[in-house]
Protein backbone atom coordinates (compact mmCIF):
# COMPACT_ATOMS: atom_id res chain seq x y z
CA MET A 1 0.00 0.00 0.00
CA SER A 2 2.91 2.39 0.55
CA THR A 3 3.63 4.92 -2.16
CA VAL A 4 6.35 7.48 -2.53
CA GLU A 5 6.19 10.15 -5.18
CA LYS A 6 8.03 13.31 -6.05
CA VAL A 7 6.04 16.49 -5.52
CA ASP A 8 6.93 20.13 -5.92
CA LYS A 9 9.98 20.70 -3.66
CA GLY A 10 9.77 17.37 -1.90
CA VAL A 11 8.36 13.90 -1.56
CA ARG A 12 4.92 12.57 -0.62
CA VAL A 13 4.95 9.38 1.43
CA ARG A 14 1.76 7.39 1.92
CA LEU A 15 1.78 4.49 4.34
CA GLY A 16 -1.05 2.17 5.28
CA PRO A 17 -1.95 1.86 8.96
CA GLU A 18 0.11 -1.31 9.49
CA GLU A 19 3.08 0.19 7.64
CA ALA A 20 2.91 3.40 9.68
CA ALA A 21 2.70 1.36 12.90
CA LEU A 22 5.71 -0.73 11.84
CA VAL A 23 7.83 2.32 10.99
CA ARG A 24 6.82 3.97 14.27
CA ALA A 25 7.72 0.89 16.31
CA LEU A 26 11.07 0.48 14.55
CA MET A 27 11.97 4.17 15.02
CA GLU A 28 11.07 3.98 18.71
CA GLN A 29 13.23 0.88 19.07
CA LEU A 30 16.08 2.64 17.30
CA GLN A 31 15.83 5.56 19.69
CA GLU A 32 15.82 3.19 22.64
CA LEU A 33 18.91 1.46 21.28
CA LEU A 34 20.69 4.80 20.80
CA GLY A 35 19.94 5.78 24.38
CA ALA A 36 18.97 9.10 25.86
CA PRO A 37 21.11 12.14 25.15
CA PRO A 38 23.49 13.14 27.94
CA ASP A 39 21.91 15.27 30.66
CA GLY A 40 24.29 18.16 29.98
CA GLY A 41 25.93 18.15 33.42
CA ASP A 42 29.32 17.17 31.97
CA GLU A 43 31.33 20.04 30.47
CA LEU A 44 32.85 17.80 27.78
CA ALA A 45 29.44 16.38 26.90
CA SER A 46 28.12 19.89 26.34
CA LEU A 47 30.79 20.18 23.64
CA GLY A 48 29.85 16.84 22.09
CA ILE A 49 32.88 15.03 23.51
CA THR A 50 32.69 11.92 25.61
CA ALA A 51 35.35 11.05 28.15
CA GLU A 52 34.65 7.33 27.85
CA ALA A 53 34.86 6.26 24.23
CA ARG A 54 35.00 2.58 23.43
CA ARG A 55 33.69 0.27 20.77
CA PRO A 56 30.19 -0.89 21.70
CA ASP A 57 29.75 -4.51 22.76
CA ASP A 58 26.35 -4.70 21.08
CA PRO A 59 26.92 -5.76 17.45
CA VAL A 60 24.14 -3.45 16.22
CA LEU A 61 25.66 -0.40 17.90
CA ALA A 62 29.08 -1.46 16.61
CA ARG A 63 27.58 -1.52 13.10
CA LEU A 64 25.91 1.87 13.54
CA PHE A 65 29.13 3.34 15.03
CA PRO A 66 32.00 1.42 13.42
CA ASP A 67 35.66 1.96 14.19
CA ALA A 68 37.14 4.71 12.05
CA TYR A 69 40.54 2.97 11.90
CA ARG A 70 40.36 -0.81 11.71
CA ASP A 71 44.01 -1.38 12.50
CA ASP A 72 44.45 1.29 15.16
CA GLY A 73 42.28 0.90 18.23
CA GLU A 74 43.76 3.94 19.95
CA ALA A 75 43.09 6.24 16.99
CA SER A 76 39.58 4.78 16.64
CA GLY A 77 38.91 5.44 20.32
CA GLU A 78 40.10 9.02 20.01
CA PHE A 79 37.99 9.56 16.88
CA ARG A 80 34.97 8.02 18.63
CA ARG A 81 35.53 10.29 21.63
CA TYR A 82 35.03 13.39 19.47
CA THR A 83 32.35 12.15 17.08
CA GLU A 84 30.07 9.55 18.62
CA MET A 85 27.86 11.92 20.62
CA GLY A 86 27.19 14.03 17.54
CA LEU A 87 26.52 10.95 15.42
CA ARG A 88 24.09 9.60 18.02
CA GLU A 89 22.30 12.93 18.17
CA GLY A 90 22.01 13.01 14.37
CA LYS A 91 20.50 9.54 14.38
CA ARG A 92 18.05 10.53 17.14
CA GLU A 93 17.05 13.67 15.20
CA ALA A 94 16.44 11.70 12.00
CA ALA A 95 14.24 9.21 13.88
CA ASP A 96 12.39 12.16 15.49
CA ILE A 97 11.64 13.59 12.04
CA VAL A 98 10.16 10.26 10.94
CA LEU A 99 8.12 9.98 14.14
CA GLY A 100 6.91 13.56 13.74
CA ALA A 101 5.63 12.79 10.25
CA LEU A 102 3.80 9.74 11.60
CA GLU A 103 1.95 11.73 14.28
CA GLY A 104 -0.89 12.42 11.88
CA ALA A 105 -1.56 8.71 11.27
CA THR A 106 -5.21 7.68 11.20
CA ALA A 107 -7.05 4.41 10.75
CA ASP A 108 -6.39 4.90 7.03
CA GLY A 109 -2.64 5.33 7.53
CA VAL A 110 -0.57 8.43 7.02
CA GLU A 111 0.26 10.80 4.23
CA ALA A 112 3.20 13.11 4.75
CA VAL A 113 4.70 15.65 2.40
CA LEU A 114 8.38 15.98 3.19
CA ASP A 115 10.77 18.66 2.02
CA VAL A 116 14.14 17.42 0.77
CA PRO A 117 15.95 17.72 4.15
CA GLN A 118 13.12 15.81 5.86
CA ALA A 119 13.18 13.13 3.16
CA GLN A 120 16.94 12.81 3.58
CA ALA A 121 16.43 12.40 7.34
CA TRP A 122 13.94 9.62 6.56
CA LEU A 123 16.55 7.95 4.37
CA ARG A 124 19.15 8.12 7.15
CA ALA A 125 16.73 6.75 9.73
CA LEU A 126 15.50 3.97 7.44
CA ASN A 127 19.09 3.05 6.72
CA ASP A 128 19.90 2.88 10.43
CA VAL A 129 16.92 0.60 11.05
CA ARG A 130 17.91 -1.60 8.10
CA LEU A 131 21.48 -1.81 9.42
CA ALA A 132 20.15 -2.81 12.84
CA LEU A 133 17.82 -5.46 11.42
CA GLY A 134 20.46 -6.68 8.99
CA THR A 135 22.96 -7.10 11.82
CA ARG A 136 20.49 -8.96 14.03
CA LEU A 137 19.52 -11.22 11.12
CA ASP A 138 23.10 -11.63 9.93
CA ILE A 139 22.07 -10.51 6.44
CA SER A 140 24.49 -11.56 3.73
CA GLU A 141 24.55 -11.42 -0.06
CA GLU A 142 22.48 -14.59 -0.12
CA TRP A 143 19.79 -13.41 2.29
CA TYR A 144 16.96 -13.72 -0.25
CA ASP A 145 17.84 -17.38 -0.72
CA GLU A 146 17.97 -17.88 3.05
CA ALA A 147 14.61 -16.15 3.54
CA GLU A 148 12.97 -18.28 0.83
CA GLN A 149 14.03 -21.44 2.66
CA LEU A 150 12.69 -20.32 6.05
CA ASP A 151 9.65 -22.00 7.47
CA PRO A 152 6.81 -19.40 7.37
CA ARG A 153 6.39 -19.97 11.12
CA ASP A 154 10.02 -19.06 11.84
CA PRO A 155 9.98 -16.02 14.15
CA ARG A 156 12.66 -14.36 11.99
CA MET A 157 10.33 -14.31 8.99
CA ALA A 158 8.62 -11.11 10.13
CA MET A 159 11.99 -9.40 10.53
CA PHE A 160 13.09 -10.54 7.06
CA ALA A 161 9.82 -9.20 5.64
CA ALA A 162 10.30 -5.88 7.46
CA TYR A 163 13.87 -5.64 6.17
CA ASP A 164 12.72 -6.31 2.62
CA TRP A 165 9.88 -3.78 2.83
CA LEU A 166 12.17 -1.11 4.34
CA THR A 167 14.60 -1.71 1.48
CA MET A 168 11.79 -1.09 -1.02
CA LEU A 169 10.61 2.03 0.84
CA GLN A 170 14.13 3.43 1.00
CA GLU A 171 14.73 2.75 -2.69
CA SER A 172 11.42 4.46 -3.59
CA MET A 173 12.44 7.51 -1.59
CA VAL A 174 15.86 7.68 -3.25
CA ARG A 175 14.23 7.51 -6.68
CA ALA A 176 11.75 10.23 -5.75
CA ILE A 177 14.40 12.59 -4.38
CA TRP A 178 16.92 12.17 -7.18
């Protein structure tokens, strides 16, 4: 049911009620995964710098915030120290833009007209959710073959379907923007 089309100075996104609910739930889960922003009591944090910078143990967070230097843990840690807070905030803001557009959802779904910066925020947020799902599912080049062989009752089937649908939605948005 979802449609994405280019309109004057932006993109119109139409989602059915189930699609809007899915996107909302995934964006809320992404925000939960990213954690709350710092409370501002730390002077370094107010500058976007974290005193404790280390590679996340959670594979999804490690995928969303990869090491900048694969062969130099110290340089990666230093880079992370200065960039991770800003990157997290950008991801939170993109998810907020998606959630804001979904606030008008009704029993019929939602229709949102996004300007180009909002549509780009949607693309970033959809990409983050796809990366998270792809990491949890261990998506590889052969994932379509793997998904075809899954028993329809396999609990991962819904996540594979969500990943596939998000891929289609993201591709539709890219085509509409460019």
